[in-house]
Amino acid sequence: MLINLSNHPSAAWTLEQKAEYKEIIDLPFPQVDPEGDEGYIDSLVNEYLQKIEQISNIEAVHIMGEFNFCYKMINELKKKNIKCVASCTKRDTVEENGVKISKFKFVRFREY
């Protein structure tokens, strides 16, 4: 089972992105207050770590989002031998009438 801790619900993923894991549970990424200090991040990580630990049969956690939260969360999960992965995409950008439009295509998951 994959826990998707990101702002991108798995319902919108492509078949290729869903293929590797039999089951995916979405855990919406928290709104991280930019005014919060390190203690705030630690507290938020602890809250989400407890949520994750209540789930059984975890193969990996897909984690993408605010960097300080991700860094601390990944370190805590790895201490517990829980695999963490990032989604890797190819970005195609085109410019139309002075506006850049980017499209992302999923390629693979890569372990942190």
PDB file of N, CA and C in Angstrom:
ATOM      1  N   MET A   1       0.829  -1.176   0.000  1.00  0.00           N
ATOM      2  CA  MET A   1       0.000   0.000   0.000  1.00  0.00           C
ATOM      3  C   MET A   1       0.879   1.246   0.000  1.00  0.00           C
ATOM      4  N   LEU A   2       0.437   2.223  -0.762  1.00  0.00           N
ATOM      5  CA  LEU A   2       1.125   3.503  -0.847  1.00  0.00           C
ATOM      6  C   LEU A   2       0.287   4.555  -0.141  1.00  0.00           C
ATOM      7  N   ILE A   3       0.906   5.314   0.735  1.00  0.00           N
ATOM      8  CA  ILE A   3       0.244   6.480   1.318  1.00  0.00           C
ATOM      9  C   ILE A   3       0.683   7.679   0.488  1.00  0.00           C
ATOM     10  N   ASN A   4      -0.274   8.396  -0.041  1.00  0.00           N
ATOM     11  CA  ASN A   4      -0.011   9.565  -0.867  1.00  0.00           C
ATOM     12  C   ASN A   4      -0.158  10.811  -0.009  1.00  0.00           C
ATOM     13  N   LEU A   5       0.972  11.319   0.495  1.00  0.00           N
ATOM     14  CA  LEU A   5       0.998  12.529   1.307  1.00  0.00           C
ATOM     15  C   LEU A   5       1.442  13.681   0.405  1.00  0.00           C
ATOM     16  N   SER A   6       0.460  14.216  -0.317  1.00  0.00           N
ATOM     17  CA  SER A   6       0.737  15.297  -1.264  1.00  0.00           C
ATOM     18  C   SER A   6      -0.546  16.084  -1.508  1.00  0.00           C
ATOM     19  N   ASN A   7      -0.440  17.112  -2.322  1.00  0.00           N
ATOM     20  CA  ASN A   7      -1.612  17.903  -2.713  1.00  0.00           C
ATOM     21  C   ASN A   7      -2.208  17.416  -4.023  1.00  0.00           C
ATOM     22  N   HIS A   8      -1.848  16.205  -4.433  1.00  0.00           N
ATOM     23  CA  HIS A   8      -2.311  15.661  -5.706  1.00  0.00           C
ATOM     24  C   HIS A   8      -3.032  14.338  -5.452  1.00  0.00           C
ATOM     25  N   PRO A   9      -4.357  14.395  -5.266  1.00  0.00           N
ATOM     26  CA  PRO A   9      -5.118  13.175  -4.973  1.00  0.00           C
ATOM     27  C   PRO A   9      -4.924  12.103  -6.044  1.00  0.00           C
ATOM     28  N   SER A  10      -4.843  10.868  -5.598  1.00  0.00           N
ATOM     29  CA  SER A  10      -4.579   9.758  -6.516  1.00  0.00           C
ATOM     30  C   SER A  10      -5.707   9.547  -7.526  1.00  0.00           C
ATOM     31  N   ALA A  11      -6.887  10.051  -7.260  1.00  0.00           N
ATOM     32  CA  ALA A  11      -8.003   9.923  -8.212  1.00  0.00           C
ATOM     33  C   ALA A  11      -7.667  10.596  -9.541  1.00  0.00           C
ATOM     34  N   ALA A  12      -6.790  11.573  -9.517  1.00  0.00           N
ATOM     35  CA  ALA A  12      -6.414  12.285 -10.742  1.00  0.00           C
ATOM     36  C   ALA A  12      -5.143  11.723 -11.386  1.00  0.00           C
ATOM     37  N   TRP A  13      -4.551  10.683 -10.800  1.00  0.00           N
ATOM     38  CA  TRP A  13      -3.326  10.099 -11.335  1.00  0.00           C
ATOM     39  C   TRP A  13      -3.620   9.289 -12.589  1.00  0.00           C
ATOM     40  N   THR A  14      -2.586   9.106 -13.402  1.00  0.00           N
ATOM     41  CA  THR A  14      -2.691   8.262 -14.585  1.00  0.00           C
ATOM     42  C   THR A  14      -2.614   6.791 -14.169  1.00  0.00           C
ATOM     43  N   LEU A  15      -2.991   5.915 -15.081  1.00  0.00           N
ATOM     44  CA  LEU A  15      -2.884   4.477 -14.814  1.00  0.00           C
ATOM     45  C   LEU A  15      -1.443   4.075 -14.548  1.00  0.00           C
ATOM     46  N   GLU A  16      -0.495   4.702 -15.255  1.00  0.00           N
ATOM     47  CA  GLU A  16       0.924   4.390 -15.051  1.00  0.00           C
ATOM     48  C   GLU A  16       1.349   4.712 -13.624  1.00  0.00           C
ATOM     49  N   GLN A  17       0.854   5.820 -13.093  1.00  0.00           N
ATOM     50  CA  GLN A  17       1.241   6.212 -11.751  1.00  0.00           C
ATOM     51  C   GLN A  17       0.614   5.293 -10.703  1.00  0.00           C
ATOM     52  N   LYS A  18      -0.559   4.766 -10.982  1.00  0.00           N
ATOM     53  CA  LYS A  18      -1.254   3.884 -10.038  1.00  0.00           C
ATOM     54  C   LYS A  18      -0.795   2.433 -10.131  1.00  0.00           C
ATOM     55  N   ALA A  19      -0.100   2.072 -11.189  1.00  0.00           N
ATOM     56  CA  ALA A  19       0.198   0.666 -11.493  1.00  0.00           C
ATOM     57  C   ALA A  19       1.091  -0.031 -10.474  1.00  0.00           C
ATOM     58  N   GLU A  20       1.989   0.681  -9.855  1.00  0.00           N
ATOM     59  CA  GLU A  20       2.984   0.030  -8.997  1.00  0.00           C
ATOM     60  C   GLU A  20       2.422  -0.457  -7.661  1.00  0.00           C
ATOM     61  N   TYR A  21       1.372   0.169  -7.187  1.00  0.00           N
ATOM     62  CA  TYR A  21       0.826  -0.165  -5.869  1.00  0.00           C
ATOM     63  C   TYR A  21      -0.616  -0.642  -5.984  1.00  0.00           C
ATOM     64  N   LYS A  22      -0.946  -1.713  -5.252  1.00  0.00           N
ATOM     65  CA  LYS A  22      -2.290  -2.290  -5.308  1.00  0.00           C
ATOM     66  C   LYS A  22      -3.322  -1.365  -4.682  1.00  0.00           C
ATOM     67  N   GLU A  23      -2.914  -0.673  -3.622  1.00  0.00           N
ATOM     68  CA  GLU A  23      -3.839   0.203  -2.913  1.00  0.00           C
ATOM     69  C   GLU A  23      -3.135   1.520  -2.612  1.00  0.00           C
ATOM     70  N   ILE A  24      -3.876   2.617  -2.716  1.00  0.00           N
ATOM     71  CA  ILE A  24      -3.341   3.945  -2.428  1.00  0.00           C
ATOM     72  C   ILE A  24      -4.302   4.638  -1.474  1.00  0.00           C
ATOM     73  N   ILE A  25      -3.763   5.171  -0.399  1.00  0.00           N
ATOM     74  CA  ILE A  25      -4.546   5.955   0.545  1.00  0.00           C
ATOM     75  C   ILE A  25      -4.052   7.395   0.473  1.00  0.00           C
ATOM     76  N   ASP A  26      -4.970   8.317   0.194  1.00  0.00           N
ATOM     77  CA  ASP A  26      -4.619   9.732   0.146  1.00  0.00           C
ATOM     78  C   ASP A  26      -4.654  10.325   1.543  1.00  0.00           C
ATOM     79  N   LEU A  27      -3.571  10.986   1.914  1.00  0.00           N
ATOM     80  CA  LEU A  27      -3.489  11.753   3.150  1.00  0.00           C
ATOM     81  C   LEU A  27      -3.122  13.168   2.713  1.00  0.00           C
ATOM     82  N   PRO A  28      -4.108  14.064   2.676  1.00  0.00           N
ATOM     83  CA  PRO A  28      -3.836  15.404   2.153  1.00  0.00           C
ATOM     84  C   PRO A  28      -2.675  16.084   2.880  1.00  0.00           C
ATOM     85  N   PHE A  29      -1.829  16.733   2.104  1.00  0.00           N
ATOM     86  CA  PHE A  29      -0.678  17.438   2.653  1.00  0.00           C
ATOM     87  C   PHE A  29      -1.165  18.607   3.505  1.00  0.00           C
ATOM     88  N   PRO A  30      -0.542  18.831   4.654  1.00  0.00           N
ATOM     89  CA  PRO A  30      -1.008  19.922   5.523  1.00  0.00           C
ATOM     90  C   PRO A  30      -0.700  21.300   4.935  1.00  0.00           C
ATOM     91  N   GLN A  31      -1.512  22.266   5.325  1.00  0.00           N
ATOM     92  CA  GLN A  31      -1.213  23.659   5.021  1.00  0.00           C
ATOM     93  C   GLN A  31      -0.141  24.086   6.015  1.00  0.00           C
ATOM     94  N   VAL A  32       1.080  24.287   5.535  1.00  0.00           N
ATOM     95  CA  VAL A  32       2.199  24.622   6.412  1.00  0.00           C
ATOM     96  C   VAL A  32       2.307  26.141   6.499  1.00  0.00           C
ATOM     97  N   ASP A  33       2.155  26.666   7.714  1.00  0.00           N
ATOM     98  CA  ASP A  33       2.221  28.106   7.950  1.00  0.00           C
ATOM     99  C   ASP A  33       3.657  28.592   7.736  1.00  0.00           C
ATOM    100  N   PRO A  34       3.889  29.506   6.787  1.00  0.00           N
ATOM    101  CA  PRO A  34       5.247  29.992   6.549  1.00  0.00           C
ATOM    102  C   PRO A  34       5.814  30.778   7.728  1.00  0.00           C
ATOM    103  N   GLU A  35       4.960  31.219   8.644  1.00  0.00           N
ATOM    104  CA  GLU A  35       5.415  31.938   9.842  1.00  0.00           C
ATOM    105  C   GLU A  35       5.860  30.979  10.943  1.00  0.00           C
ATOM    106  N   GLY A  36       5.534  29.695  10.789  1.00  0.00           N
ATOM    107  CA  GLY A  36       5.861  28.716  11.823  1.00  0.00           C
ATOM    108  C   GLY A  36       7.359  28.487  11.952  1.00  0.00           C
ATOM    109  N   ASP A  37       7.812  28.284  13.183  1.00  0.00           N
ATOM    110  CA  ASP A  37       9.232  28.020  13.423  1.00  0.00           C
ATOM    111  C   ASP A  37       9.508  26.517  13.396  1.00  0.00           C
ATOM    112  N   GLU A  38      10.725  26.143  13.768  1.00  0.00           N
ATOM    113  CA  GLU A  38      11.119  24.731  13.737  1.00  0.00           C
ATOM    114  C   GLU A  38      10.283  23.874  14.685  1.00  0.00           C
ATOM    115  N   GLY A  39       9.928  24.430  15.831  1.00  0.00           N
ATOM    116  CA  GLY A  39       9.080  23.698  16.775  1.00  0.00           C
ATOM    117  C   GLY A  39       7.703  23.424  16.192  1.00  0.00           C
ATOM    118  N   TYR A  40       7.185  24.384  15.434  1.00  0.00           N
ATOM    119  CA  TYR A  40       5.897  24.211  14.759  1.00  0.00           C
ATOM    120  C   TYR A  40       5.985  23.067  13.752  1.00  0.00           C
ATOM    121  N   ILE A  41       7.063  23.039  12.963  1.00  0.00           N
ATOM    122  CA  ILE A  41       7.253  21.968  11.970  1.00  0.00           C
ATOM    123  C   ILE A  41       7.360  20.623  12.677  1.00  0.00           C
ATOM    124  N   ASP A  42       8.130  20.572  13.757  1.00  0.00           N
ATOM    125  CA  ASP A  42       8.273  19.320  14.518  1.00  0.00           C
ATOM    126  C   ASP A  42       6.916  18.816  15.001  1.00  0.00           C
ATOM    127  N   SER A  43       6.094  19.729  15.492  1.00  0.00           N
ATOM    128  CA  SER A  43       4.765  19.361  15.994  1.00  0.00           C
ATOM    129  C   SER A  43       3.878  18.835  14.870  1.00  0.00           C
ATOM    130  N   LEU A  44       3.919  19.503  13.719  1.00  0.00           N
ATOM    131  CA  LEU A  44       3.125  19.083  12.572  1.00  0.00           C
ATOM    132  C   LEU A  44       3.580  17.717  12.059  1.00  0.00           C
ATOM    133  N   VAL A  45       4.884  17.511  12.011  1.00  0.00           N
ATOM    134  CA  VAL A  45       5.427  16.219  11.598  1.00  0.00           C
ATOM    135  C   VAL A  45       4.962  15.135  12.560  1.00  0.00           C
ATOM    136  N   ASN A  46       5.019  15.412  13.845  1.00  0.00           N
ATOM    137  CA  ASN A  46       4.579  14.443  14.849  1.00  0.00           C
ATOM    138  C   ASN A  46       3.110  14.079  14.653  1.00  0.00           C
ATOM    139  N   GLU A  47       2.276  15.080  14.382  1.00  0.00           N
ATOM    140  CA  GLU A  47       0.847  14.842  14.154  1.00  0.00           C
ATOM    141  C   GLU A  47       0.628  13.911  12.964  1.00  0.00           C
ATOM    142  N   TYR A  48       1.328  14.167  11.863  1.00  0.00           N
ATOM    143  CA  TYR A  48       1.145  13.354  10.661  1.00  0.00           C
ATOM    144  C   TYR A  48       1.818  11.992  10.783  1.00  0.00           C
ATOM    145  N   LEU A  49       2.891  11.927  11.524  1.00  0.00           N
ATOM    146  CA  LEU A  49       3.545  10.650  11.777  1.00  0.00           C
ATOM    147  C   LEU A  49       2.590   9.721  12.527  1.00  0.00           C
ATOM    148  N   GLN A  50       1.868  10.252  13.491  1.00  0.00           N
ATOM    149  CA  GLN A  50       0.888   9.446  14.233  1.00  0.00           C
ATOM    150  C   GLN A  50      -0.225   8.956  13.306  1.00  0.00           C
ATOM    151  N   LYS A  51      -0.671   9.797  12.388  1.00  0.00           N
ATOM    152  CA  LYS A  51      -1.708   9.382  11.427  1.00  0.00           C
ATOM    153  C   LYS A  51      -1.208   8.228  10.563  1.00  0.00           C
ATOM    154  N   ILE A  52       0.033   8.352  10.107  1.00  0.00           N
ATOM    155  CA  ILE A  52       0.612   7.321   9.235  1.00  0.00           C
ATOM    156  C   ILE A  52       0.804   6.017   9.995  1.00  0.00           C
ATOM    157  N   GLU A  53       1.261   6.102  11.236  1.00  0.00           N
ATOM    158  CA  GLU A  53       1.516   4.900  12.023  1.00  0.00           C
ATOM    159  C   GLU A  53       0.245   4.114  12.329  1.00  0.00           C
ATOM    160  N   GLN A  54      -0.915   4.732  12.204  1.00  0.00           N
ATOM    161  CA  GLN A  54      -2.180   4.036  12.441  1.00  0.00           C
ATOM    162  C   GLN A  54      -2.596   3.179  11.246  1.00  0.00           C
ATOM    163  N   ILE A  55      -1.900   3.326  10.133  1.00  0.00           N
ATOM    164  CA  ILE A  55      -2.220   2.586   8.914  1.00  0.00           C
ATOM    165  C   ILE A  55      -1.304   1.367   8.839  1.00  0.00           C
ATOM    166  N   SER A  56      -1.868   0.217   8.513  1.00  0.00           N
ATOM    167  CA  SER A  56      -1.044  -0.998   8.431  1.00  0.00           C
ATOM    168  C   SER A  56      -0.736  -1.343   6.979  1.00  0.00           C
ATOM    169  N   ASN A  57       0.228  -2.222   6.803  1.00  0.00           N
ATOM    170  CA  ASN A  57       0.652  -2.723   5.489  1.00  0.00           C
ATOM    171  C   ASN A  57       1.183  -1.639   4.558  1.00  0.00           C
ATOM    172  N   ILE A  58       1.932  -0.720   5.112  1.00  0.00           N
ATOM    173  CA  ILE A  58       2.500   0.367   4.312  1.00  0.00           C
ATOM    174  C   ILE A  58       3.717  -0.144   3.550  1.00  0.00           C
ATOM    175  N   GLU A  59       3.683   0.005   2.228  1.00  0.00           N
ATOM    176  CA  GLU A  59       4.863  -0.296   1.416  1.00  0.00           C
ATOM    177  C   GLU A  59       5.752   0.933   1.291  1.00  0.00           C
ATOM    178  N   ALA A  60       5.098   2.104   1.156  1.00  0.00           N
ATOM    179  CA  ALA A  60       5.853   3.336   0.978  1.00  0.00           C
ATOM    180  C   ALA A  60       4.942   4.535   1.217  1.00  0.00           C
ATOM    181  N   VAL A  61       5.600   5.685   1.435  1.00  0.00           N
ATOM    182  CA  VAL A  61       4.887   6.953   1.538  1.00  0.00           C
ATOM    183  C   VAL A  61       5.380   7.843   0.404  1.00  0.00           C
ATOM    184  N   HIS A  62       4.446   8.272  -0.432  1.00  0.00           N
ATOM    185  CA  HIS A  62       4.742   9.246  -1.494  1.00  0.00           C
ATOM    186  C   HIS A  62       4.595  10.607  -0.836  1.00  0.00           C
ATOM    187  N   ILE A  63       5.699  11.358  -0.757  1.00  0.00           N
ATOM    188  CA  ILE A  63       5.660  12.635  -0.059  1.00  0.00           C
ATOM    189  C   ILE A  63       6.259  13.737  -0.930  1.00  0.00           C
ATOM    190  N   MET A  64       5.416  14.737  -1.188  1.00  0.00           N
ATOM    191  CA  MET A  64       5.812  15.890  -1.987  1.00  0.00           C
ATOM    192  C   MET A  64       5.124  17.111  -1.399  1.00  0.00           C
ATOM    193  N   GLY A  65       5.881  18.171  -1.150  1.00  0.00           N
ATOM    194  CA  GLY A  65       5.272  19.384  -0.608  1.00  0.00           C
ATOM    195  C   GLY A  65       6.312  20.313  -0.018  1.00  0.00           C
ATOM    196  N   GLU A  66       5.909  21.068   0.980  1.00  0.00           N
ATOM    197  CA  GLU A  66       6.767  22.067   1.622  1.00  0.00           C
ATOM    198  C   GLU A  66       8.045  21.391   2.125  1.00  0.00           C
ATOM    199  N   PHE A  67       9.178  21.982   1.786  1.00  0.00           N
ATOM    200  CA  PHE A  67      10.471  21.317   1.960  1.00  0.00           C
ATOM    201  C   PHE A  67      10.849  21.001   3.400  1.00  0.00           C
ATOM    202  N   ASN A  68      10.665  21.941   4.326  1.00  0.00           N
ATOM    203  CA  ASN A  68      11.061  21.671   5.708  1.00  0.00           C
ATOM    204  C   ASN A  68      10.243  20.536   6.307  1.00  0.00           C
ATOM    205  N   PHE A  69       8.934  20.547   6.063  1.00  0.00           N
ATOM    206  CA  PHE A  69       8.070  19.477   6.550  1.00  0.00           C
ATOM    207  C   PHE A  69       8.501  18.146   5.934  1.00  0.00           C
ATOM    208  N   CYS A  70       8.687  18.128   4.620  1.00  0.00           N
ATOM    209  CA  CYS A  70       9.082  16.883   3.935  1.00  0.00           C
ATOM    210  C   CYS A  70      10.396  16.348   4.479  1.00  0.00           C
ATOM    211  N   TYR A  71      11.383  17.216   4.629  1.00  0.00           N
ATOM    212  CA  TYR A  71      12.695  16.791   5.100  1.00  0.00           C
ATOM    213  C   TYR A  71      12.586  16.103   6.462  1.00  0.00           C
ATOM    214  N   LYS A  72      11.895  16.755   7.384  1.00  0.00           N
ATOM    215  CA  LYS A  72      11.772  16.176   8.726  1.00  0.00           C
ATOM    216  C   LYS A  72      10.908  14.917   8.714  1.00  0.00           C
ATOM    217  N   MET A  73       9.830  14.928   7.941  1.00  0.00           N
ATOM    218  CA  MET A  73       8.947  13.758   7.877  1.00  0.00           C
ATOM    219  C   MET A  73       9.686  12.564   7.268  1.00  0.00           C
ATOM    220  N   ILE A  74      10.403  12.786   6.201  1.00  0.00           N
ATOM    221  CA  ILE A  74      11.152  11.701   5.559  1.00  0.00           C
ATOM    222  C   ILE A  74      12.170  11.111   6.526  1.00  0.00           C
ATOM    223  N   ASN A  75      12.867  11.959   7.258  1.00  0.00           N
ATOM    224  CA  ASN A  75      13.843  11.455   8.227  1.00  0.00           C
ATOM    225  C   ASN A  75      13.171  10.611   9.308  1.00  0.00           C
ATOM    226  N   GLU A  76      12.025  11.052   9.801  1.00  0.00           N
ATOM    227  CA  GLU A  76      11.310  10.286  10.837  1.00  0.00           C
ATOM    228  C   GLU A  76      10.798   8.955  10.291  1.00  0.00           C
ATOM    229  N   LEU A  77      10.256   8.972   9.076  1.00  0.00           N
ATOM    230  CA  LEU A  77       9.750   7.732   8.477  1.00  0.00           C
ATOM    231  C   LEU A  77      10.888   6.744   8.225  1.00  0.00           C
ATOM    232  N   LYS A  78      12.019   7.255   7.748  1.00  0.00           N
ATOM    233  CA  LYS A  78      13.163   6.370   7.470  1.00  0.00           C
ATOM    234  C   LYS A  78      13.707   5.747   8.763  1.00  0.00           C
ATOM    235  N   LYS A  79      13.656   6.495   9.866  1.00  0.00           N
ATOM    236  CA  LYS A  79      14.077   5.931  11.161  1.00  0.00           C
ATOM    237  C   LYS A  79      13.226   4.721  11.520  1.00  0.00           C
ATOM    238  N   LYS A  80      11.985   4.707  11.041  1.00  0.00           N
ATOM    239  CA  LYS A  80      11.053   3.620  11.311  1.00  0.00           C
ATOM    240  C   LYS A  80      11.043   2.601  10.166  1.00  0.00           C
ATOM    241  N   ASN A  81      12.040   2.700   9.288  1.00  0.00           N
ATOM    242  CA  ASN A  81      12.185   1.800   8.144  1.00  0.00           C
ATOM    243  C   ASN A  81      10.973   1.821   7.212  1.00  0.00           C
ATOM    244  N   ILE A  82      10.388   2.997   7.049  1.00  0.00           N
ATOM    245  CA  ILE A  82       9.287   3.168   6.109  1.00  0.00           C
ATOM    246  C   ILE A  82       9.845   3.854   4.868  1.00  0.00           C
ATOM    247  N   LYS A  83       9.723   3.197   3.756  1.00  0.00           N
ATOM    248  CA  LYS A  83      10.228   3.693   2.475  1.00  0.00           C
ATOM    249  C   LYS A  83       9.477   4.962   2.067  1.00  0.00           C
ATOM    250  N   CYS A  84      10.210   5.956   1.596  1.00  0.00           N
ATOM    251  CA  CYS A  84       9.628   7.217   1.129  1.00  0.00           C
ATOM    252  C   CYS A  84      10.003   7.419  -0.330  1.00  0.00           C
ATOM    253  N   VAL A  85       9.012   7.843  -1.126  1.00  0.00           N
ATOM    254  CA  VAL A  85       9.257   8.032  -2.553  1.00  0.00           C
ATOM    255  C   VAL A  85       8.761   9.400  -3.017  1.00  0.00           C
ATOM    256  N   ALA A  86       9.387   9.867  -4.075  1.00  0.00           N
ATOM    257  CA  ALA A  86       8.976  11.096  -4.761  1.00  0.00           C
ATOM    258  C   ALA A  86       8.503  10.714  -6.151  1.00  0.00           C
ATOM    259  N   SER A  87       7.565  11.472  -6.674  1.00  0.00           N
ATOM    260  CA  SER A  87       7.148  11.238  -8.055  1.00  0.00           C
ATOM    261  C   SER A  87       8.055  12.043  -8.970  1.00  0.00           C
ATOM    262  N   CYS A  88       8.519  11.392 -10.009  1.00  0.00           N
ATOM    263  CA  CYS A  88       9.400  12.025 -10.983  1.00  0.00           C
ATOM    264  C   CYS A  88       8.613  12.238 -12.272  1.00  0.00           C
ATOM    265  N   THR A  89       8.672  13.442 -12.786  1.00  0.00           N
ATOM    266  CA  THR A  89       7.891  13.790 -13.958  1.00  0.00           C
ATOM    267  C   THR A  89       8.752  14.455 -15.011  1.00  0.00           C
ATOM    268  N   LYS A  90       8.258  14.414 -16.215  1.00  0.00           N
ATOM    269  CA  LYS A  90       8.886  15.138 -17.319  1.00  0.00           C
ATOM    270  C   LYS A  90       8.021  16.367 -17.570  1.00  0.00           C
ATOM    271  N   ARG A  91       8.657  17.526 -17.616  1.00  0.00           N
ATOM    272  CA  ARG A  91       7.919  18.761 -17.836  1.00  0.00           C
ATOM    273  C   ARG A  91       8.101  19.209 -19.275  1.00  0.00           C
ATOM    274  N   ASP A  92       6.984  19.417 -19.936  1.00  0.00           N
ATOM    275  CA  ASP A  92       6.983  19.987 -21.282  1.00  0.00           C
ATOM    276  C   ASP A  92       6.370  21.374 -21.176  1.00  0.00           C
ATOM    277  N   THR A  93       7.130  22.380 -21.589  1.00  0.00           N
ATOM    278  CA  THR A  93       6.659  23.757 -21.499  1.00  0.00           C
ATOM    279  C   THR A  93       6.559  24.355 -22.888  1.00  0.00           C
ATOM    280  N   VAL A  94       5.436  24.971 -23.132  1.00  0.00           N
ATOM    281  CA  VAL A  94       5.243  25.704 -24.390  1.00  0.00           C
ATOM    282  C   VAL A  94       4.836  27.126 -24.033  1.00  0.00           C
ATOM    283  N   GLU A  95       5.174  28.045 -24.908  1.00  0.00           N
ATOM    284  CA  GLU A  95       4.793  29.429 -24.688  1.00  0.00           C
ATOM    285  C   GLU A  95       3.771  29.830 -25.736  1.00  0.00           C
ATOM    286  N   GLU A  96       2.653  30.349 -25.252  1.00  0.00           N
ATOM    287  CA  GLU A  96       1.585  30.803 -26.137  1.00  0.00           C
ATOM    288  C   GLU A  96       1.215  32.226 -25.762  1.00  0.00           C
ATOM    289  N   ASN A  97       1.403  33.145 -26.716  1.00  0.00           N
ATOM    290  CA  ASN A  97       1.058  34.553 -26.482  1.00  0.00           C
ATOM    291  C   ASN A  97       1.713  35.111 -25.227  1.00  0.00           C
ATOM    292  N   GLY A  98       2.977  34.761 -25.004  1.00  0.00           N
ATOM    293  CA  GLY A  98       3.717  35.257 -23.850  1.00  0.00           C
ATOM    294  C   GLY A  98       3.414  34.556 -22.537  1.00  0.00           C
ATOM    295  N   VAL A  99       2.592  33.504 -22.569  1.00  0.00           N
ATOM    296  CA  VAL A  99       2.244  32.766 -21.360  1.00  0.00           C
ATOM    297  C   VAL A  99       2.846  31.365 -21.456  1.00  0.00           C
ATOM    298  N   LYS A 100       3.608  30.996 -20.423  1.00  0.00           N
ATOM    299  CA  LYS A 100       4.184  29.649 -20.384  1.00  0.00           C
ATOM    300  C   LYS A 100       3.176  28.676 -19.814  1.00  0.00           C
ATOM    301  N   ILE A 101       3.012  27.566 -20.511  1.00  0.00           N
ATOM    302  CA  ILE A 101       2.113  26.508 -20.060  1.00  0.00           C
ATOM    303  C   ILE A 101       2.950  25.246 -19.892  1.00  0.00           C
ATOM    304  N   SER A 102       2.915  24.691 -18.688  1.00  0.00           N
ATOM    305  CA  SER A 102       3.688  23.486 -18.403  1.00  0.00           C
ATOM    306  C   SER A 102       2.750  22.303 -18.232  1.00  0.00           C
ATOM    307  N   LYS A 103       3.137  21.198 -18.851  1.00  0.00           N
ATOM    308  CA  LYS A 103       2.423  19.938 -18.687  1.00  0.00           C
ATOM    309  C   LYS A 103       3.412  18.935 -18.119  1.00  0.00           C
ATOM    310  N   PHE A 104       2.950  18.189 -17.127  1.00  0.00           N
ATOM    311  CA  PHE A 104       3.809  17.223 -16.461  1.00  0.00           C
ATOM    312  C   PHE A 104       3.344  15.814 -16.779  1.00  0.00           C
ATOM    313  N   LYS A 105       4.300  14.945 -17.120  1.00  0.00           N
ATOM    314  CA  LYS A 105       3.982  13.552 -17.407  1.00  0.00           C
ATOM    315  C   LYS A 105       4.744  12.681 -16.418  1.00  0.00           C
ATOM    316  N   PHE A 106       4.013  11.859 -15.680  1.00  0.00           N
ATOM    317  CA  PHE A 106       4.628  10.967 -14.706  1.00  0.00           C
ATOM    318  C   PHE A 106       5.574   9.996 -15.410  1.00  0.00           C
ATOM    319  N   VAL A 107       6.750   9.793 -14.814  1.00  0.00           N
ATOM    320  CA  VAL A 107       7.735   8.854 -15.350  1.00  0.00           C
ATOM    321  C   VAL A 107       7.931   7.681 -14.386  1.00  0.00           C
ATOM    322  N   ARG A 108       8.166   7.993 -13.104  1.00  0.00           N
ATOM    323  CA  ARG A 108       8.442   6.932 -12.133  1.00  0.00           C
ATOM    324  C   ARG A 108       8.431   7.482 -10.724  1.00  0.00           C
ATOM    325  N   PHE A 109       8.463   6.562  -9.734  1.00  0.00           N
ATOM    326  CA  PHE A 109       8.703   6.935  -8.351  1.00  0.00           C
ATOM    327  C   PHE A 109      10.182   6.714  -8.086  1.00  0.00           C
ATOM    328  N   ARG A 110      10.772   7.607  -7.306  1.00  0.00           N
ATOM    329  CA  ARG A 110      12.186   7.465  -6.941  1.00  0.00           C
ATOM    330  C   ARG A 110      12.274   7.537  -5.418  1.00  0.00           C
ATOM    331  N   GLU A 111      13.017   6.601  -4.837  1.00  0.00           N
ATOM    332  CA  GLU A 111      13.146   6.558  -3.378  1.00  0.00           C
ATOM    333  C   GLU A 111      14.037   7.703  -2.882  1.00  0.00           C
ATOM    334  N   TYR A 112      13.627   8.279  -1.752  1.00  0.00           N
ATOM    335  CA  TYR A 112      14.442   9.312  -1.099  1.00  0.00           C
ATOM    336  C   TYR A 112      15.611   8.635  -0.423  1.00  0.00           C
TER     337      TYR A 112
END
